């Protein structure tokens, strides 16, 4: 990892603002999220074609801070920046 936590947080804040700006456009939020995930995420879910999609997961599979926010979001909602032991995240709930 070559990005500091502070740099990653600043970049995620900018990305989140860009994503929020797409909310009113039909399907644009999910497409934009996939674009940013594939371009900037270090998670394996960011591989081309996955677009940051983690798929469905049960309680107990993810780190507690991530899981707490993911299960609290409504379908189509975008999280604030979430910090876990593995880094900083944005979560878009799609189902």
C-alpha atoms as a PDB file:
ATOM      1  CA  UNK A   1       0.000   0.000   0.000  1.00  0.00           C
ATOM      2  CA  UNK A   2       1.465   3.322  -1.043  1.00  0.00           C
ATOM      3  CA  UNK A   3      -1.357   5.605   0.107  1.00  0.00           C
ATOM      4  CA  UNK A   4      -1.495   6.905   3.655  1.00  0.00           C
ATOM      5  CA  UNK A   5      -4.736   6.640   5.628  1.00  0.00           C
ATOM      6  CA  UNK A   6      -5.101  10.424   5.457  1.00  0.00           C
ATOM      7  CA  UNK A   7      -4.619  10.444   1.666  1.00  0.00           C
ATOM      8  CA  UNK A   8      -7.051   7.559   1.240  1.00  0.00           C
ATOM      9  CA  UNK A   9      -9.620   9.331   3.404  1.00  0.00           C
ATOM     10  CA  UNK A  10      -9.339  12.517   1.362  1.00  0.00           C
ATOM     11  CA  UNK A  11      -9.653  10.613  -1.900  1.00  0.00           C
ATOM     12  CA  UNK A  12     -12.647   8.617  -0.624  1.00  0.00           C
ATOM     13  CA  UNK A  13     -14.342  11.816   0.487  1.00  0.00           C
ATOM     14  CA  UNK A  14     -13.956  13.202  -3.054  1.00  0.00           C
ATOM     15  CA  UNK A  15     -15.200   9.949  -4.582  1.00  0.00           C
ATOM     16  CA  UNK A  16     -18.193   9.926  -2.244  1.00  0.00           C
ATOM     17  CA  UNK A  17     -19.120  13.467  -3.301  1.00  0.00           C
ATOM     18  CA  UNK A  18     -18.928  12.423  -6.950  1.00  0.00           C
ATOM     19  CA  UNK A  19     -21.080   9.367  -6.241  1.00  0.00           C
ATOM     20  CA  UNK A  20     -23.687  11.377  -4.334  1.00  0.00           C
ATOM     21  CA  UNK A  21     -23.941  13.708  -7.337  1.00  0.00           C
ATOM     22  CA  UNK A  22     -25.046  10.751  -9.507  1.00  0.00           C
ATOM     23  CA  UNK A  23     -27.945   9.663  -7.254  1.00  0.00           C
ATOM     24  CA  UNK A  24     -30.673  11.273  -9.336  1.00  0.00           C
ATOM     25  CA  UNK A  25     -29.619   9.554 -12.542  1.00  0.00           C
ATOM     26  CA  UNK A  26     -31.192   6.163 -13.263  1.00  0.00           C
ATOM     27  CA  UNK A  27     -28.618   3.427 -12.553  1.00  0.00           C
ATOM     28  CA  UNK A  28     -25.762   5.912 -12.531  1.00  0.00           C
ATOM     29  CA  UNK A  29     -24.814   5.453  -8.874  1.00  0.00           C
ATOM     30  CA  UNK A  30     -24.108   1.744  -9.200  1.00  0.00           C
ATOM     31  CA  UNK A  31     -22.216   2.231 -12.486  1.00  0.00           C
ATOM     32  CA  UNK A  32     -20.127   5.052 -11.006  1.00  0.00           C
ATOM     33  CA  UNK A  33     -19.442   3.009  -7.864  1.00  0.00           C
ATOM     34  CA  UNK A  34     -18.234   0.102 -10.028  1.00  0.00           C
ATOM     35  CA  UNK A  35     -15.995   2.442 -12.012  1.00  0.00           C
ATOM     36  CA  UNK A  36     -14.336   3.897  -8.914  1.00  0.00           C
ATOM     37  CA  UNK A  37     -14.003   0.476  -7.267  1.00  0.00           C
ATOM     38  CA  UNK A  38     -12.257  -0.997 -10.299  1.00  0.00           C
ATOM     39  CA  UNK A  39     -10.018   2.059 -10.675  1.00  0.00           C
ATOM     40  CA  UNK A  40      -9.031   2.689  -7.030  1.00  0.00           C
ATOM     41  CA  UNK A  41      -9.936  -0.152  -4.673  1.00  0.00           C
ATOM     42  CA  UNK A  42      -7.323  -2.553  -3.334  1.00  0.00           C
ATOM     43  CA  UNK A  43     -10.001  -5.134  -2.464  1.00  0.00           C
ATOM     44  CA  UNK A  44     -10.271  -8.304  -4.532  1.00  0.00           C
ATOM     45  CA  UNK A  45     -13.883  -7.325  -5.262  1.00  0.00           C
ATOM     46  CA  UNK A  46     -12.543  -4.534  -7.478  1.00  0.00           C
ATOM     47  CA  UNK A  47     -11.353  -6.901 -10.200  1.00  0.00           C
ATOM     48  CA  UNK A  48     -12.635  -5.981 -13.654  1.00  0.00           C
ATOM     49  CA  UNK A  49     -16.213  -7.088 -14.038  1.00  0.00           C
ATOM     50  CA  UNK A  50     -16.932  -7.217 -10.300  1.00  0.00           C
ATOM     51  CA  UNK A  51     -17.088  -3.473  -9.738  1.00  0.00           C
ATOM     52  CA  UNK A  52     -16.618  -3.749  -5.994  1.00  0.00           C
ATOM     53  CA  UNK A  53     -19.458  -6.243  -5.613  1.00  0.00           C
ATOM     54  CA  UNK A  54     -18.927  -8.444  -2.554  1.00  0.00           C
ATOM     55  CA  UNK A  55     -22.070 -10.450  -3.224  1.00  0.00           C
ATOM     56  CA  UNK A  56     -24.410 -11.477  -0.448  1.00  0.00           C
ATOM     57  CA  UNK A  57     -22.892 -12.276   2.915  1.00  0.00           C
ATOM     58  CA  UNK A  58     -24.315 -13.379   6.265  1.00  0.00           C
ATOM     59  CA  UNK A  59     -23.779 -11.765   9.643  1.00  0.00           C
ATOM     60  CA  UNK A  60     -20.371 -12.692  11.055  1.00  0.00           C
ATOM     61  CA  UNK A  61     -18.432 -12.828   7.783  1.00  0.00           C
ATOM     62  CA  UNK A  62     -17.172  -9.230   7.609  1.00  0.00           C
ATOM     63  CA  UNK A  63     -15.319  -7.100  10.133  1.00  0.00           C
ATOM     64  CA  UNK A  64     -17.777  -5.711  12.711  1.00  0.00           C
ATOM     65  CA  UNK A  65     -17.584  -2.009  11.730  1.00  0.00           C
ATOM     66  CA  UNK A  66     -18.139  -2.874   8.057  1.00  0.00           C
ATOM     67  CA  UNK A  67     -20.950  -5.280   8.807  1.00  0.00           C
ATOM     68  CA  UNK A  68     -22.712  -2.891  11.180  1.00  0.00           C
ATOM     69  CA  UNK A  69     -22.944  -0.222   8.476  1.00  0.00           C
ATOM     70  CA  UNK A  70     -23.662  -2.610   5.597  1.00  0.00           C
ATOM     71  CA  UNK A  71     -26.678  -4.150   7.340  1.00  0.00           C
ATOM     72  CA  UNK A  72     -27.956  -0.730   8.467  1.00  0.00           C
ATOM     73  CA  UNK A  73     -28.065   0.674   4.922  1.00  0.00           C
ATOM     74  CA  UNK A  74     -31.203   0.531   2.844  1.00  0.00           C
ATOM     75  CA  UNK A  75     -31.085  -0.776  -0.717  1.00  0.00           C
ATOM     76  CA  UNK A  76     -29.531   1.902  -2.924  1.00  0.00           C
ATOM     77  CA  UNK A  77     -27.916   3.743  -0.008  1.00  0.00           C
ATOM     78  CA  UNK A  78     -24.271   4.773   0.050  1.00  0.00           C
ATOM     79  CA  UNK A  79     -22.370   4.782   3.341  1.00  0.00           C
ATOM     80  CA  UNK A  80     -20.156   7.417   4.804  1.00  0.00           C
ATOM     81  CA  UNK A  81     -16.493   6.367   4.980  1.00  0.00           C
ATOM     82  CA  UNK A  82     -16.164   3.221   7.108  1.00  0.00           C
ATOM     83  CA  UNK A  83     -12.895   2.346   8.854  1.00  0.00           C
ATOM     84  CA  UNK A  84     -11.903  -1.240   9.592  1.00  0.00           C
ATOM     85  CA  UNK A  85      -8.626  -2.988  10.385  1.00  0.00           C
ATOM     86  CA  UNK A  86      -8.130  -3.514   6.638  1.00  0.00           C
ATOM     87  CA  UNK A  87      -8.613   0.120   5.643  1.00  0.00           C
ATOM     88  CA  UNK A  88     -11.216   2.650   4.626  1.00  0.00           C
ATOM     89  CA  UNK A  89     -14.322   1.751   2.662  1.00  0.00           C
ATOM     90  CA  UNK A  90     -17.416   3.065   0.967  1.00  0.00           C
ATOM     91  CA  UNK A  91     -20.358   0.687   0.889  1.00  0.00           C
ATOM     92  CA  UNK A  92     -23.185   0.761  -1.622  1.00  0.00           C
ATOM     93  CA  UNK A  93     -25.985  -1.618  -0.722  1.00  0.00           C
ATOM     94  CA  UNK A  94     -27.531  -3.047  -3.875  1.00  0.00           C
ATOM     95  CA  UNK A  95     -29.790  -5.778  -2.508  1.00  0.00           C
END
